[in-house]
Each structure stands twice: as C-alpha cells, then as structure tokens.
Amino acid sequence: MSVLDVVESETEAGIAPVATEAEQGYRKRKLGVLFWLSVAWLGFLVFGAVLADLLPLKDPTETFRGVARTGPSADHWFGADNIGHDVFSRAIYGARRSLFVATVATLFGLVIGGTLGLIAGYYRRALDGTIAAVFNVFLAVPGLIFLLSIITFLAPPGESSPTTQTIWTTLTLSILTVPIIGRITRVQTMVWADRDFVMASRTLGARNMRIMLKEILPNVVPILISYAFIVGSGLIIIEAVLAFFGVGDVTGVSWGLMIQNGRSELERSPHMVLFPALFIFLTVLALNFIGDQVLARFAIREGGI
C-alpha cells in the first residue's frame, strides 16, 4: 500500500493527518484588528487621492476669507492655514503626491532591483560580485545628500516645471530603492536556489530561466511584497523631507509643504502642522504594520515546508 492510499484510508475513516507545529501556528494566526485598520486607512487615502476631484471637498488652492489660522470647525474640519486654505482638503490632495512617488519608486525597485538580485543570487560567481559591488556603491552614498544633489542639479527649484521636478524626484527615489530591494532578492534567491526541489529541476535538465521564474521567483515574491510596504513607508518620509526643504514641486500640495508652511505658526496654530504630520505618521505606521504581518505569516508558512 502506498503512502497516498494510507492517507486516503485514514481520511475516509475520519482520522485527519496531524499537522506540524508550524502549520498549526499558521492556521491559528490571525491578521488582527490593527491589520485591518491599517488596510482601511490606506484604502481611505487611496480612495481620497484618486477621487478627490469628484468628492465634495473644498478647493485646496482656494483662499477663504476670515478663517486664516482658525482651528477645526464645522466648515473646516481641520481648520485653515495662515492664508485661509482648508487644511482637510489639502491633506487629502496631498496624499496624491506622496502615494504616487512612493508607489512608482517601489515598483521600479521591485522590477529592476528584483531582476538584478534574482540574477546575482542564482548565477553567483563573477556576475554576483559585479552586481553586489554596484549595490554596495549606491548604498554607501548618503541617501539624502544624493537626492538633494541630483534633484537640485537636474530640476532646480524655480527653473523647472512642477511636472519635471516631480518626475526627477520620483526617478531619483526609484534609483535608491534598486540596491535595497536587489540585496533582499539576492539573499532570498541564494537561500531558495539550494533547496532540494531546485536541485531536482536542474538534474532533470530544466533551463535556468525556467528554474528562476517557476521555482525560485514564486517563493521570493511574498517576502518582497512584505518589504515593499516597508520601503514604501520610508519613501513617504523621504518625500515629505524633500518637500519640507523645498526640493521638488513647491507650488503643489503635499504633506511636507504643509508642515514647512506651518512651522512658523506652530505656537499660534498648531493644527497646521499637526494634521499633515498625523497623516504621515498613520500612513507610515500602517505600511510598516502590514509589511510586518505579511512577513510574519510568510515566515510561519516557510517554517512548515
């Protein structure tokens, strides 16, 4: 009698197979309320950022008379800034820039960095050494100094259009994500490339491309997704810092610009800084928490393999 016959006979008799400790932990582990609150917050931001023009929001560029520096009220939920702009409307519209830059830069890093890391971790030897050296060079350069230098040189404030400045900001941040995600992919590829099922595929004569795409990549993707949330949260902070220093589009609406404009009014009108800072805090917290939860669930599943 084969193993399959034994399992089938036990199932028919009502005897369920005993799950391993890791499998039981994976089944019992729930995402929890905080995870779904994080998802709800990100969903709210994405919904507001995408459909802001269709929602009954005040014009973020409109100046309302007699409400400058006033606190939250029925007409202006988050109050108004120093020249009468509605803070709530600007906070919703400000999510557009932060989410756009973080999403595009993260996807760029996943595609380019993930591809390079997969190649380096699989082929190793000289190719791995070359790609790893390039990653190390980029990681050795202070990120903020690199960003300020490149963006200021290629898209000087006041001399470039807002669209050009946003494009160069996004591209520069994208370049910085490549070595980060690339190194993670490289290490994970090395781990999975030594597994028995990969060695069996090589023995059966499978091509390298098929092994990488069919055997290794599906196992690397979950952990890349978890780290993508964490990288995205860091990019949101960096984008806000750049906007605070006046780098990039200084004529649009962003959380960093809102904080920069309200810092001189912090004592009289703290709401001008409090609410955009709260949006940044909650967004970064949500992204990090989702990334940690995805990573934890993947670690439990991998432990049961």
Protein backbone atom coordinates (compact mmCIF):
# COMPACT_ATOMS: atom_id res chain seq x y z
CA MET A 1 0.00 0.00 0.00
CA SER A 2 1.36 3.42 -0.96
CA VAL A 3 1.52 6.48 1.26
CA LEU A 4 -1.32 8.06 -0.73
CA ASP A 5 -3.52 5.01 -0.09
CA VAL A 6 -2.83 5.23 3.65
CA VAL A 7 -3.76 8.92 3.74
CA GLU A 8 -6.96 8.29 1.79
CA SER A 9 -7.96 5.40 4.05
CA GLU A 10 -7.34 7.48 7.18
CA THR A 11 -9.39 10.34 5.77
CA GLU A 12 -12.32 8.03 4.96
CA ALA A 13 -12.13 6.63 8.49
CA GLY A 14 -12.34 10.14 9.96
CA ILE A 15 -8.73 10.28 11.05
CA ALA A 16 -7.24 13.62 10.00
CA PRO A 17 -3.49 13.91 9.40
CA VAL A 18 -1.60 15.53 12.25
CA ALA A 19 -0.42 19.00 11.25
CA THR A 20 3.04 20.15 12.14
CA GLU A 21 3.56 22.84 14.78
CA ALA A 22 4.42 25.42 12.13
CA GLU A 23 1.28 24.56 10.11
CA GLN A 24 -0.90 24.81 13.22
CA GLY A 25 0.63 28.19 14.06
CA TYR A 26 -0.01 29.40 10.52
CA ARG A 27 -3.67 28.33 10.71
CA LYS A 28 -4.26 29.84 14.16
CA ARG A 29 -2.50 33.13 13.47
CA LYS A 30 -4.96 35.85 12.57
CA LEU A 31 -4.23 39.18 10.99
CA GLY A 32 -5.91 41.03 13.81
CA VAL A 33 -7.82 44.28 14.14
CA LEU A 34 -4.77 46.51 13.72
CA PHE A 35 -4.01 44.95 10.35
CA TRP A 36 -7.49 45.64 9.03
CA LEU A 37 -7.43 49.16 10.49
CA SER A 38 -4.18 49.72 8.61
CA VAL A 39 -5.74 48.42 5.40
CA ALA A 40 -8.79 50.64 5.96
CA TRP A 41 -6.59 53.70 6.45
CA LEU A 42 -4.63 53.04 3.26
CA GLY A 43 -7.88 52.37 1.43
CA PHE A 44 -9.25 55.70 2.66
CA LEU A 45 -6.14 57.52 1.45
CA VAL A 46 -6.13 55.86 -1.96
CA PHE A 47 -9.86 56.48 -2.38
CA GLY A 48 -9.48 60.13 -1.43
CA ALA A 49 -6.38 60.70 -3.54
CA VAL A 50 -7.82 59.11 -6.67
CA LEU A 51 -11.34 60.54 -6.43
CA ALA A 52 -10.56 63.87 -4.74
CA ASP A 53 -11.82 65.86 -7.73
CA LEU A 54 -15.18 64.04 -7.60
CA LEU A 55 -15.67 64.24 -3.84
CA PRO A 56 -17.41 67.18 -2.14
CA LEU A 57 -14.10 68.67 -0.96
CA LYS A 58 -13.15 72.30 -0.89
CA ASP A 59 -10.69 73.55 -3.48
CA PRO A 60 -7.23 73.12 -1.86
CA THR A 61 -5.99 76.26 -3.64
CA GLU A 62 -8.97 78.45 -2.72
CA THR A 63 -8.44 81.12 -0.09
CA PHE A 64 -11.33 81.57 2.35
CA ARG A 65 -11.68 84.99 3.92
CA GLY A 66 -11.78 85.48 7.66
CA VAL A 67 -10.68 81.95 8.57
CA ALA A 68 -6.89 82.22 8.36
CA ARG A 69 -5.18 80.33 11.21
CA THR A 70 -8.53 79.28 12.73
CA GLY A 71 -8.82 75.85 14.28
CA PRO A 72 -11.13 72.96 13.39
CA SER A 73 -14.79 73.86 12.84
CA ALA A 74 -17.92 72.53 11.16
CA ASP A 75 -16.99 74.26 7.88
CA HIS A 76 -13.28 73.47 8.04
CA TRP A 77 -12.80 70.13 9.79
CA PHE A 78 -9.03 70.52 10.23
CA GLY A 79 -9.07 74.31 10.38
CA ALA A 80 -7.41 76.70 7.94
CA ASP A 81 -3.78 77.61 7.31
CA ASN A 82 -2.12 81.01 7.51
CA ILE A 83 -3.64 82.28 4.25
CA GLY A 84 -7.07 80.65 4.53
CA HIS A 85 -6.64 77.31 2.75
CA ASP A 86 -8.73 74.40 4.02
CA VAL A 87 -6.32 72.04 5.82
CA PHE A 88 -8.50 68.92 5.47
CA SER A 89 -8.81 69.34 1.71
CA ARG A 90 -5.08 69.94 1.34
CA ALA A 91 -4.31 66.87 3.47
CA ILE A 92 -6.44 64.68 1.18
CA TYR A 93 -5.00 66.16 -2.00
CA GLY A 94 -1.50 65.95 -0.50
CA ALA A 95 -1.82 62.17 -0.37
CA ARG A 96 -1.69 62.12 -4.17
CA ARG A 97 1.92 63.17 -4.42
CA SER A 98 3.19 61.03 -1.56
CA LEU A 99 1.39 57.88 -2.69
CA PHE A 100 2.34 58.42 -6.34
CA VAL A 101 6.03 58.89 -5.62
CA ALA A 102 6.20 56.00 -3.13
CA THR A 103 4.25 53.59 -5.36
CA VAL A 104 6.16 54.30 -8.57
CA ALA A 105 9.56 54.23 -6.87
CA THR A 106 8.77 50.98 -5.06
CA LEU A 107 7.51 49.28 -8.23
CA PHE A 108 10.63 50.44 -10.08
CA GLY A 109 12.81 48.95 -7.34
CA LEU A 110 10.87 45.69 -7.39
CA VAL A 111 11.23 45.27 -11.15
CA ILE A 112 14.84 46.42 -11.63
CA GLY A 113 16.27 45.52 -8.23
CA GLY A 114 14.34 42.28 -8.08
CA THR A 115 15.59 41.22 -11.52
CA LEU A 116 19.21 42.06 -10.76
CA GLY A 117 19.03 40.37 -7.35
CA LEU A 118 17.48 37.25 -8.84
CA ILE A 119 20.21 37.01 -11.48
CA ALA A 120 23.01 37.67 -8.99
CA GLY A 121 21.70 35.19 -6.42
CA TYR A 122 21.17 32.44 -8.95
CA TYR A 123 24.28 32.62 -11.14
CA ARG A 124 26.66 33.89 -8.39
CA ARG A 125 30.41 33.95 -9.10
CA ALA A 126 31.67 36.94 -11.12
CA LEU A 127 28.23 38.18 -12.09
CA ASP A 128 27.12 38.16 -8.48
CA GLY A 129 30.27 40.00 -7.40
CA THR A 130 29.76 42.72 -10.01
CA ILE A 131 26.09 43.33 -9.22
CA ALA A 132 26.71 43.20 -5.46
CA ALA A 133 29.53 45.75 -5.83
CA VAL A 134 27.21 48.14 -7.67
CA PHE A 135 24.61 47.75 -4.92
CA ASN A 136 27.22 48.48 -2.26
CA VAL A 137 28.41 51.61 -4.04
CA PHE A 138 24.91 53.08 -4.12
CA LEU A 139 24.22 52.10 -0.52
CA ALA A 140 27.49 53.71 0.60
CA VAL A 141 26.38 57.14 -0.63
CA PRO A 142 24.29 59.10 1.93
CA GLY A 143 20.80 58.93 0.53
CA LEU A 144 19.60 62.42 1.44
CA ILE A 145 22.73 64.10 0.08
CA PHE A 146 22.44 62.10 -3.14
CA LEU A 147 18.80 63.09 -3.52
CA LEU A 148 19.34 66.77 -2.85
CA SER A 149 22.31 66.93 -5.21
CA ILE A 150 20.69 65.13 -8.14
CA ILE A 151 17.30 66.84 -7.91
CA THR A 152 18.76 70.30 -7.37
CA PHE A 153 21.11 69.86 -10.34
CA LEU A 154 18.63 68.30 -12.77
CA ALA A 155 15.47 70.14 -11.69
CA PRO A 156 16.41 73.39 -9.92
CA PRO A 157 13.50 74.91 -7.95
CA GLY A 158 12.08 77.91 -9.79
CA GLU A 159 13.67 76.94 -13.10
CA SER A 160 11.84 73.68 -13.85
CA SER A 161 8.15 72.96 -14.22
CA PRO A 162 6.35 71.21 -11.34
CA THR A 163 5.88 68.11 -13.51
CA THR A 164 9.59 67.94 -14.32
CA GLN A 165 10.50 68.28 -10.66
CA THR A 166 8.08 65.53 -9.65
CA ILE A 167 9.43 63.22 -12.36
CA TRP A 168 13.05 63.71 -11.32
CA THR A 169 12.15 63.30 -7.64
CA THR A 170 10.39 60.03 -8.40
CA LEU A 171 13.20 58.78 -10.63
CA THR A 172 15.90 59.59 -8.07
CA LEU A 173 13.99 57.84 -5.29
CA SER A 174 13.45 54.89 -7.63
CA ILE A 175 17.21 54.55 -8.15
CA LEU A 176 17.73 54.41 -4.39
CA THR A 177 15.24 51.56 -3.99
CA VAL A 178 17.04 49.32 -6.51
CA PRO A 179 20.01 48.28 -4.32
CA ILE A 180 17.81 47.88 -1.24
CA ILE A 181 15.33 45.52 -2.86
CA GLY A 182 18.09 43.98 -5.01
CA ARG A 183 20.08 42.84 -1.98
CA ILE A 184 16.99 41.35 -0.33
CA THR A 185 16.16 39.46 -3.55
CA ARG A 186 19.75 38.27 -3.92
CA VAL A 187 19.90 36.77 -0.43
CA GLN A 188 16.49 35.11 -0.75
CA THR A 189 17.41 33.69 -4.15
CA MET A 190 20.56 32.13 -2.70
CA VAL A 191 18.50 30.50 0.04
CA TRP A 192 15.92 29.02 -2.31
CA ALA A 193 18.44 28.06 -5.02
CA ASP A 194 19.91 25.46 -2.64
CA ARG A 195 16.59 23.75 -1.92
CA ASP A 196 16.08 20.15 -3.00
CA PHE A 197 13.28 20.87 -5.48
CA VAL A 198 15.51 23.36 -7.32
CA MET A 199 18.36 20.86 -7.42
CA ALA A 200 15.92 18.26 -8.76
CA SER A 201 14.85 20.63 -11.53
CA ARG A 202 18.47 21.13 -12.53
CA THR A 203 19.03 17.38 -12.54
CA LEU A 204 16.03 16.88 -14.82
CA GLY A 205 17.54 19.33 -17.29
CA ALA A 206 15.30 22.37 -16.72
CA ARG A 207 16.64 25.62 -18.15
CA ASN A 208 17.97 28.31 -15.86
CA MET A 209 15.28 30.79 -16.91
CA ARG A 210 12.53 28.33 -16.11
CA ILE A 211 14.05 27.50 -12.72
CA MET A 212 14.30 31.17 -11.80
CA LEU A 213 10.78 32.06 -12.94
CA LYS A 214 8.90 28.90 -11.99
CA GLU A 215 10.74 27.55 -8.96
CA ILE A 216 12.53 30.42 -7.20
CA LEU A 217 10.61 33.60 -8.00
CA PRO A 218 7.21 32.45 -6.62
CA ASN A 219 8.91 31.75 -3.28
CA VAL A 220 10.77 35.07 -3.25
CA VAL A 221 7.79 37.25 -4.19
CA PRO A 222 5.94 37.03 -0.81
CA ILE A 223 8.89 38.35 1.16
CA LEU A 224 9.49 41.05 -1.47
CA ILE A 225 5.90 42.19 -1.09
CA SER A 226 6.32 42.49 2.68
CA TYR A 227 9.50 44.53 2.30
CA ALA A 228 7.85 46.65 -0.42
CA PHE A 229 5.43 48.02 2.17
CA ILE A 230 8.31 48.90 4.48
CA VAL A 231 10.32 50.53 1.68
CA GLY A 232 7.23 52.47 0.61
CA SER A 233 6.80 53.87 4.12
CA GLY A 234 10.40 55.09 4.08
CA LEU A 235 9.87 56.76 0.70
CA ILE A 236 6.87 58.67 2.03
CA ILE A 237 9.04 60.08 4.81
CA ILE A 238 11.83 60.99 2.38
CA GLU A 239 9.37 62.68 0.00
CA ALA A 240 7.98 64.72 2.88
CA VAL A 241 11.51 65.72 3.96
CA LEU A 242 12.37 66.81 0.41
CA ALA A 243 9.19 68.89 0.20
CA PHE A 244 9.95 70.38 3.62
CA PHE A 245 13.34 71.55 2.32
CA GLY A 246 11.72 72.98 -0.81
CA VAL A 247 13.05 70.35 -3.20
CA GLY A 248 10.70 69.31 -5.98
CA ASP A 249 7.31 70.82 -6.77
CA VAL A 250 6.94 73.71 -4.31
CA THR A 251 3.76 75.02 -5.96
CA GLY A 252 1.59 71.96 -5.44
CA VAL A 253 0.04 70.36 -2.38
CA SER A 254 1.95 67.85 -0.24
CA TRP A 255 2.23 66.92 3.40
CA GLY A 256 5.83 68.08 3.62
CA LEU A 257 4.97 71.51 2.21
CA MET A 258 2.08 71.84 4.65
CA ILE A 259 4.43 71.20 7.56
CA GLN A 260 7.01 73.61 6.13
CA ASN A 261 4.40 76.36 5.73
CA GLY A 262 3.04 75.84 9.22
CA ARG A 263 6.27 75.64 11.21
CA SER A 264 6.35 79.42 11.76
CA GLU A 265 2.77 79.29 13.07
CA LEU A 266 3.32 76.33 15.37
CA GLU A 267 2.65 78.23 18.60
CA ARG A 268 -0.47 80.10 17.41
CA SER A 269 -1.92 77.48 15.03
CA PRO A 270 -0.51 74.01 15.80
CA HIS A 271 -3.23 72.34 13.72
CA MET A 272 -1.42 73.48 10.55
CA VAL A 273 1.42 71.07 11.36
CA LEU A 274 -0.44 68.54 13.50
CA PHE A 275 -2.80 67.15 10.87
CA PRO A 276 -0.36 66.64 7.95
CA ALA A 277 2.15 65.16 10.42
CA LEU A 278 -0.61 62.85 11.70
CA PHE A 279 -1.37 61.74 8.13
CA ILE A 280 2.31 60.91 7.59
CA PHE A 281 2.53 59.08 10.91
CA LEU A 282 -0.57 56.95 10.34
CA THR A 283 0.39 56.12 6.77
CA VAL A 284 3.93 55.06 7.68
CA LEU A 285 2.63 53.09 10.67
CA ALA A 286 0.04 51.31 8.53
CA LEU A 287 2.54 50.38 5.81
CA ASN A 288 5.06 49.07 8.33
CA PHE A 289 2.45 47.08 10.23
CA ILE A 290 1.08 45.46 7.05
CA GLY A 291 4.62 44.63 5.94
CA ASP A 292 5.44 43.06 9.30
CA GLN A 293 2.27 40.98 9.27
CA VAL A 294 2.87 39.70 5.75
CA LEU A 295 6.48 38.86 6.66
CA ALA A 296 5.40 37.04 9.83
CA ARG A 297 2.81 34.93 8.02
CA PHE A 298 5.29 34.06 5.28
CA ALA A 299 7.90 33.04 7.89
CA ILE A 300 5.40 30.70 9.53
CA ARG A 301 4.40 29.17 6.20
CA GLU A 302 8.03 28.73 5.17
CA GLY A 303 8.78 27.05 8.50
CA GLY A 304 6.26 24.35 7.67
CA ILE A 305 7.85 23.46 4.31
